[in-house]
C-alpha atoms as a PDB file:
ATOM      1  CA  MET A   1     105.829 109.087 114.811  1.00  0.00           C
ATOM      2  CA  THR A   2     102.087 109.316 114.139  1.00  0.00           C
ATOM      3  CA  ILE A   3      99.977 106.378 113.046  1.00  0.00           C
ATOM      4  CA  LEU A   4     100.064 107.720 109.491  1.00  0.00           C
ATOM      5  CA  ASP A   5     103.860 107.724 109.560  1.00  0.00           C
ATOM      6  CA  TRP A   6     103.821 104.088 110.659  1.00  0.00           C
ATOM      7  CA  LEU A   7     101.343 103.206 107.921  1.00  0.00           C
ATOM      8  CA  ASP A   8     103.488 105.004 105.356  1.00  0.00           C
ATOM      9  CA  TYR A   9     106.657 103.111 106.223  1.00  0.00           C
ATOM     10  CA  ALA A  10     104.727  99.853 106.643  1.00  0.00           C
ATOM     11  CA  GLY A  11     103.105 100.235 103.226  1.00  0.00           C
ATOM     12  CA  VAL A  12     106.439 100.942 101.543  1.00  0.00           C
ATOM     13  CA  ALA A  13     108.209  98.068 103.322  1.00  0.00           C
ATOM     14  CA  VAL A  14     105.496  95.473 102.738  1.00  0.00           C
ATOM     15  CA  PHE A  15     105.041  96.372  99.085  1.00  0.00           C
ATOM     16  CA  ALA A  16     108.819  96.316  98.682  1.00  0.00           C
ATOM     17  CA  ALA A  17     108.787  92.781 100.089  1.00  0.00           C
ATOM     18  CA  THR A  18     106.253  91.722  97.473  1.00  0.00           C
ATOM     19  CA  GLY A  19     108.515  93.199  94.797  1.00  0.00           C
ATOM     20  CA  GLY A  20     111.420  91.230  96.185  1.00  0.00           C
ATOM     21  CA  LEU A  21     109.361  88.039  96.171  1.00  0.00           C
ATOM     22  CA  ALA A  22     108.352  88.677  92.558  1.00  0.00           C
ATOM     23  CA  ALA A  23     112.060  89.047  91.735  1.00  0.00           C
ATOM     24  CA  ALA A  24     112.772  85.771  93.528  1.00  0.00           C
ATOM     25  CA  ARG A  25     110.108  84.005  91.469  1.00  0.00           C
ATOM     26  CA  LYS A  26     111.895  85.269  88.345  1.00  0.00           C
ATOM     27  CA  GLN A  27     115.273  84.192  89.782  1.00  0.00           C
ATOM     28  CA  LEU A  28     116.776  87.662  89.459  1.00  0.00           C
ATOM     29  CA  ASP A  29     120.093  88.671  91.018  1.00  0.00           C
ATOM     30  CA  ILE A  30     120.394  90.777  94.150  1.00  0.00           C
ATOM     31  CA  ILE A  31     120.324  94.055  92.208  1.00  0.00           C
ATOM     32  CA  GLY A  32     117.146  92.901  90.478  1.00  0.00           C
ATOM     33  CA  HIS A  33     115.623  92.207  93.893  1.00  0.00           C
ATOM     34  CA  MET A  34     116.515  95.658  95.192  1.00  0.00           C
ATOM     35  CA  PHE A  35     115.301  97.375  92.028  1.00  0.00           C
ATOM     36  CA  LEU A  36     111.941  95.615  91.856  1.00  0.00           C
ATOM     37  CA  ALA A  37     111.429  96.039  95.601  1.00  0.00           C
ATOM     38  CA  SER A  38     112.085  99.774  95.316  1.00  0.00           C
ATOM     39  CA  VAL A  39     109.811 100.282  92.321  1.00  0.00           C
ATOM     40  CA  THR A  40     106.996  98.410  94.059  1.00  0.00           C
ATOM     41  CA  GLY A  41     107.523 100.127  97.395  1.00  0.00           C
ATOM     42  CA  ILE A  42     107.472 103.714  96.116  1.00  0.00           C
ATOM     43  CA  GLY A  43     105.343 103.343  92.968  1.00  0.00           C
ATOM     44  CA  GLY A  44     101.916 104.010  94.455  1.00  0.00           C
ATOM     45  CA  GLY A  45     103.062 106.935  96.579  1.00  0.00           C
ATOM     46  CA  THR A  46     104.851 108.472  93.611  1.00  0.00           C
ATOM     47  CA  LEU A  47     101.684 108.457  91.506  1.00  0.00           C
ATOM     48  CA  ARG A  48      99.706 109.884  94.430  1.00  0.00           C
ATOM     49  CA  ASP A  49     102.111 112.797  94.879  1.00  0.00           C
ATOM     50  CA  LEU A  50     102.150 113.542  91.163  1.00  0.00           C
ATOM     51  CA  VAL A  51      98.343 113.604  91.054  1.00  0.00           C
ATOM     52  CA  LEU A  52      98.239 115.948  94.057  1.00  0.00           C
ATOM     53  CA  GLY A  53     101.024 118.154  92.690  1.00  0.00           C
ATOM     54  CA  ALA A  54     103.145 117.386  95.759  1.00  0.00           C
ATOM     55  CA  THR A  55     106.555 117.684  94.169  1.00  0.00           C
ATOM     56  CA  PRO A  56     109.293 116.752  94.715  1.00  0.00           C
ATOM     57  CA  VAL A  57     107.625 113.422  95.454  1.00  0.00           C
ATOM     58  CA  PHE A  58     107.906 111.885  98.917  1.00  0.00           C
ATOM     59  CA  TRP A  59     110.988 109.727  98.397  1.00  0.00           C
ATOM     60  CA  VAL A  60     112.924 112.648  96.923  1.00  0.00           C
ATOM     61  CA  ARG A  61     112.094 114.756  99.976  1.00  0.00           C
ATOM     62  CA  ASN A  62     112.888 111.842 102.299  1.00  0.00           C
ATOM     63  CA  PRO A  63     115.334 109.317 100.773  1.00  0.00           C
ATOM     64  CA  GLU A  64     114.838 107.025 103.782  1.00  0.00           C
ATOM     65  CA  TYR A  65     111.968 105.449 101.856  1.00  0.00           C
ATOM     66  CA  LEU A  66     114.395 104.365  99.140  1.00  0.00           C
ATOM     67  CA  VAL A  67     116.735 102.949 101.747  1.00  0.00           C
ATOM     68  CA  VAL A  68     113.884 100.985 103.343  1.00  0.00           C
ATOM     69  CA  SER A  69     112.755  99.592  99.981  1.00  0.00           C
ATOM     70  CA  ALA A  70     116.251  98.592  98.868  1.00  0.00           C
ATOM     71  CA  ALA A  71     117.044  97.063 102.270  1.00  0.00           C
ATOM     72  CA  VAL A  72     113.872  94.978 102.157  1.00  0.00           C
ATOM     73  CA  GLY A  73     114.751  93.777  98.643  1.00  0.00           C
ATOM     74  CA  PHE A  74     118.240  92.865  99.875  1.00  0.00           C
ATOM     75  CA  ALA A  75     116.789  90.870 102.786  1.00  0.00           C
ATOM     76  CA  VAL A  76     114.248  89.074 100.609  1.00  0.00           C
ATOM     77  CA  PHE A  77     117.068  87.921  98.300  1.00  0.00           C
ATOM     78  CA  PHE A  78     118.368  85.745 101.151  1.00  0.00           C
ATOM     79  CA  ALA A  79     115.081  84.926 102.862  1.00  0.00           C
ATOM     80  CA  ALA A  80     112.910  83.978  99.873  1.00  0.00           C
ATOM     81  CA  ARG A  81     114.607  80.610  99.372  1.00  0.00           C
ATOM     82  CA  LEU A  82     113.412  79.582 102.846  1.00  0.00           C
ATOM     83  CA  LEU A  83     109.747  80.041 101.933  1.00  0.00           C
ATOM     84  CA  GLU A  84     107.688  77.060 100.851  1.00  0.00           C
ATOM     85  CA  SER A  85     105.341  79.114  98.664  1.00  0.00           C
ATOM     86  CA  ARG A  86     106.639  82.495  97.574  1.00  0.00           C
ATOM     87  CA  TYR A  87     103.459  83.359  95.711  1.00  0.00           C
ATOM     88  CA  ARG A  88     101.204  82.690  98.697  1.00  0.00           C
ATOM     89  CA  VAL A  89     103.354  84.934 100.879  1.00  0.00           C
ATOM     90  CA  LEU A  90     103.415  87.555  98.102  1.00  0.00           C
ATOM     91  CA  VAL A  91      99.635  87.849  97.798  1.00  0.00           C
ATOM     92  CA  TRP A  92      99.088  88.002 101.566  1.00  0.00           C
ATOM     93  CA  LEU A  93     101.804  90.616 102.012  1.00  0.00           C
ATOM     94  CA  ASP A  94     100.213  92.518  99.147  1.00  0.00           C
ATOM     95  CA  ALA A  95      96.938  92.448 101.078  1.00  0.00           C
ATOM     96  CA  VAL A  96      98.682  93.929 104.132  1.00  0.00           C
ATOM     97  CA  GLY A  97     100.381  96.608 102.032  1.00  0.00           C
ATOM     98  CA  LEU A  98      97.139  97.476 100.273  1.00  0.00           C
ATOM     99  CA  SER A  99      95.351  97.855 103.619  1.00  0.00           C
ATOM    100  CA  ALA A 100      97.968 100.219 105.033  1.00  0.00           C
ATOM    101  CA  TYR A 101      98.558 102.213 101.888  1.00  0.00           C
ATOM    102  CA  CYS A 102      94.928 102.860 100.954  1.00  0.00           C
ATOM    103  CA  VAL A 103      94.494 104.676 104.268  1.00  0.00           C
ATOM    104  CA  MET A 104      97.790 106.540 103.915  1.00  0.00           C
ATOM    105  CA  GLY A 105      96.910 107.657 100.391  1.00  0.00           C
ATOM    106  CA  ALA A 106      93.432 108.740 101.461  1.00  0.00           C
ATOM    107  CA  ALA A 107      94.859 110.714 104.372  1.00  0.00           C
ATOM    108  CA  LYS A 108      97.246 112.630 102.131  1.00  0.00           C
ATOM    109  CA  GLY A 109      94.531 113.315  99.570  1.00  0.00           C
ATOM    110  CA  PHE A 110      92.090 114.482 102.231  1.00  0.00           C
ATOM    111  CA  ALA A 111      94.684 116.709 103.904  1.00  0.00           C
ATOM    112  CA  ALA A 112      95.692 118.271 100.589  1.00  0.00           C
ATOM    113  CA  THR A 113      92.221 118.949  99.176  1.00  0.00           C
ATOM    114  CA  GLY A 114      89.539 118.382 101.809  1.00  0.00           C
ATOM    115  CA  SER A 115      87.586 116.454  99.171  1.00  0.00           C
ATOM    116  CA  LEU A 116      86.099 113.075 100.039  1.00  0.00           C
ATOM    117  CA  ALA A 117      86.152 111.961  96.412  1.00  0.00           C
ATOM    118  CA  VAL A 118      89.780 112.959  95.847  1.00  0.00           C
ATOM    119  CA  ALA A 119      90.816 111.255  99.088  1.00  0.00           C
ATOM    120  CA  VAL A 120      89.227 107.970  98.053  1.00  0.00           C
ATOM    121  CA  VAL A 121      90.825 108.124  94.606  1.00  0.00           C
ATOM    122  CA  THR A 122      94.297 108.879  95.954  1.00  0.00           C
ATOM    123  CA  GLY A 123      93.859 106.077  98.480  1.00  0.00           C
ATOM    124  CA  VAL A 124      93.043 103.569  95.759  1.00  0.00           C
ATOM    125  CA  LEU A 125      95.863 104.770  93.491  1.00  0.00           C
ATOM    126  CA  THR A 126      98.410 104.620  96.299  1.00  0.00           C
ATOM    127  CA  ALA A 127      97.364 101.118  97.287  1.00  0.00           C
ATOM    128  CA  THR A 128      97.257  99.546  93.852  1.00  0.00           C
ATOM    129  CA  PHE A 129      99.747 101.186  91.509  1.00  0.00           C
ATOM    130  CA  GLY A 130     102.882  99.692  93.053  1.00  0.00           C
ATOM    131  CA  GLY A 131     101.489  96.184  92.662  1.00  0.00           C
ATOM    132  CA  ILE A 132     100.522  96.909  89.066  1.00  0.00           C
ATOM    133  CA  LEU A 133     104.062  98.078  88.280  1.00  0.00           C
ATOM    134  CA  ARG A 134     105.491  95.011  90.004  1.00  0.00           C
ATOM    135  CA  ASP A 135     103.418  92.631  87.933  1.00  0.00           C
ATOM    136  CA  ILE A 136     104.152  94.433  84.658  1.00  0.00           C
ATOM    137  CA  ILE A 137     107.918  94.473  85.218  1.00  0.00           C
ATOM    138  CA  ALA A 138     108.008  90.886  86.508  1.00  0.00           C
ATOM    139  CA  GLY A 139     105.785  89.632  83.689  1.00  0.00           C
ATOM    140  CA  GLU A 140     103.284  88.216  86.184  1.00  0.00           C
ATOM    141  CA  PRO A 141      99.509  88.182  85.639  1.00  0.00           C
ATOM    142  CA  SER A 142      98.260  91.526  86.947  1.00  0.00           C
ATOM    143  CA  VAL A 143      96.512  91.535  90.301  1.00  0.00           C
ATOM    144  CA  LEU A 144      93.787  93.574  88.586  1.00  0.00           C
ATOM    145  CA  LEU A 145      92.996  90.637  86.305  1.00  0.00           C
ATOM    146  CA  ARG A 146      92.630  88.103  89.108  1.00  0.00           C
ATOM    147  CA  PRO A 147      89.006  87.167  89.829  1.00  0.00           C
ATOM    148  CA  GLU A 148      89.115  87.982  93.570  1.00  0.00           C
ATOM    149  CA  ILE A 149      88.219  91.407  94.886  1.00  0.00           C
ATOM    150  CA  TYR A 150      91.228  93.765  94.855  1.00  0.00           C
ATOM    151  CA  VAL A 151      90.533  97.392  93.985  1.00  0.00           C
ATOM    152  CA  THR A 152      87.236  97.190  95.880  1.00  0.00           C
ATOM    153  CA  ALA A 153      89.148  96.388  99.082  1.00  0.00           C
ATOM    154  CA  ALA A 154      91.272  99.520  98.659  1.00  0.00           C
ATOM    155  CA  LEU A 155      88.118 101.496  97.904  1.00  0.00           C
ATOM    156  CA  ALA A 156      86.458 100.229 101.080  1.00  0.00           C
ATOM    157  CA  GLY A 157      89.473 101.023 103.245  1.00  0.00           C
ATOM    158  CA  ALA A 158      89.984 104.506 101.820  1.00  0.00           C
ATOM    159  CA  GLY A 159      86.250 105.204 101.964  1.00  0.00           C
ATOM    160  CA  THR A 160      85.938 104.049 105.567  1.00  0.00           C
ATOM    161  CA  TYR A 161      88.813 106.253 106.684  1.00  0.00           C
ATOM    162  CA  THR A 162      87.609 109.289 104.759  1.00  0.00           C
ATOM    163  CA  VAL A 163      83.992 109.085 105.896  1.00  0.00           C
ATOM    164  CA  LEU A 164      84.976 108.677 109.547  1.00  0.00           C
ATOM    165  CA  MET A 165      87.326 111.659 109.336  1.00  0.00           C
ATOM    166  CA  ALA A 166      84.612 113.735 107.681  1.00  0.00           C
ATOM    167  CA  LEU A 167      82.217 112.796 110.511  1.00  0.00           C
ATOM    168  CA  GLY A 168      84.684 114.127 113.070  1.00  0.00           C
ATOM    169  CA  ALA A 169      86.429 110.953 114.219  1.00  0.00           C
ATOM    170  CA  THR A 170      90.044 111.227 115.263  1.00  0.00           C
ATOM    171  CA  GLN A 171      93.002 109.982 113.251  1.00  0.00           C
ATOM    172  CA  VAL A 172      93.777 106.736 115.093  1.00  0.00           C
ATOM    173  CA  PRO A 173      90.326 105.071 115.062  1.00  0.00           C
ATOM    174  CA  SER A 174      89.665 106.256 111.505  1.00  0.00           C
ATOM    175  CA  SER A 175      92.967 104.803 110.319  1.00  0.00           C
ATOM    176  CA  LEU A 176      92.528 101.500 112.139  1.00  0.00           C
ATOM    177  CA  ALA A 177      88.964 101.127 110.850  1.00  0.00           C
ATOM    178  CA  GLY A 178      90.128 101.772 107.284  1.00  0.00           C
ATOM    179  CA  VAL A 179      92.978  99.262 107.527  1.00  0.00           C
ATOM    180  CA  ILE A 180      90.722  96.603 109.030  1.00  0.00           C
ATOM    181  CA  ALA A 181      87.987  97.141 106.438  1.00  0.00           C
ATOM    182  CA  ALA A 182      90.425  96.790 103.551  1.00  0.00           C
ATOM    183  CA  PHE A 183      92.187  93.743 104.997  1.00  0.00           C
ATOM    184  CA  VAL A 184      88.977  91.902 105.887  1.00  0.00           C
ATOM    185  CA  ILE A 185      87.659  92.308 102.348  1.00  0.00           C
ATOM    186  CA  ARG A 186      90.922  91.490 100.578  1.00  0.00           C
ATOM    187  CA  GLY A 187      91.723  88.665 103.004  1.00  0.00           C
ATOM    188  CA  GLY A 188      88.257  87.208 102.577  1.00  0.00           C
ATOM    189  CA  ALA A 189      88.657  87.388  98.819  1.00  0.00           C
ATOM    190  CA  LEU A 190      91.930  85.458  99.020  1.00  0.00           C
ATOM    191  CA  ARG A 191      90.646  82.933 101.540  1.00  0.00           C
ATOM    192  CA  TYR A 192      87.132  82.383 100.241  1.00  0.00           C
ATOM    193  CA  GLY A 193      87.345  83.583  96.638  1.00  0.00           C
ATOM    194  CA  TRP A 194      84.959  86.519  97.048  1.00  0.00           C
ATOM    195  CA  THR A 195      84.199  88.198  93.750  1.00  0.00           C
ATOM    196  CA  LEU A 196      81.900  90.855  92.373  1.00  0.00           C
ATOM    197  CA  PRO A 197      79.447  90.169  89.538  1.00  0.00           C
ATOM    198  CA  VAL A 198      81.164  90.277  86.174  1.00  0.00           C
ATOM    199  CA  GLY A 199      80.003  91.586  82.829  1.00  0.00           C
ATOM    200  CA  ASP A 200      78.850  89.489  79.899  1.00  0.00           C
ATOM    201  CA  PRO A 201      80.008  85.947  80.822  1.00  0.00           C
ATOM    202  CA  ARG A 202      80.158  84.841  77.210  1.00  0.00           C
ATOM    203  CA  PRO A 203      83.708  84.377  75.872  1.00  0.00           C
ATOM    204  CA  PRO A 204      84.890  87.163  73.559  1.00  0.00           C
ATOM    205  CA  ARG A 205      84.392  86.600  69.837  1.00  0.00           C
ATOM    206  CA  ASP A 206      87.330  86.019  67.577  1.00  0.00           C
ATOM    207  CA  PRO A 207      88.128  89.262  65.689  1.00  0.00           C
ATOM    208  CA  ASP A 208      88.139  87.317  62.422  1.00  0.00           C
ATOM    209  CA  ASP A 209      84.504  86.362  63.018  1.00  0.00           C
ATOM    210  CA  VAL A 210      83.538  90.010  63.478  1.00  0.00           C
ATOM    211  CA  LEU A 211      85.380  91.650  60.570  1.00  0.00           C
END
C-alpha cells in the first residue's frame, strides 16, 4: 500500500476510536459503540467524496472501511473501561486522526481537480466533519466551539501537503510534512492552550434588551 492508503485507513480507524470513546462516555451498548464509531470514521471521507462528485463514495466502493470502523467500535467497547480518562484519550486520538485525514483529503482533492484551493478545502472537510458528526450525535460540546486551535491545524496540514506537491515534492515527504504540521499545531493547542484572536470579547446581549 502507498502512504496515502495507510493514512486513509489510519484516519478512519483513529476517528472510529474517538467515536467509540464518545459512545463509552454516554454509556451506550455495543451496537451504539459500533454505530458511532462507523459514523465518525467514514463521515469526513463521505462528505469529501460527495463534494468531489466521487460516487459511489469510498466505503461503498470498498466496504473494508466499514468493517474497520465497526471493528474498532467493538474493541473500544471492551477497552474503554480500562482508561483512566476517556476524554483525554479521545481528544488526542482526534488530533492524530485530524493530522492523517487532512492530508488524505487534500491528496484526493488535488488529484481530482489539480486545484490548490479545492485540495485545501477537501482536506479540512475530511479532517473535521467526522468529529463534528460525533459530537452532534453524542450530545458533546462541538470540537469547533472549543477555544483551542482545531480547524486551523487541519488547514495547516492540508496546505503544507498541497504546496509541497505543487512545488514538485514527492508524495512521501509531502504527506509526512503535512501530518507533522497538523499534529504539532493541534497538539500544541491541546498541551499549551494555543488559540487565535477572537472577535468582540464582550458577552452577547440578551435578545430582550435588543428588541
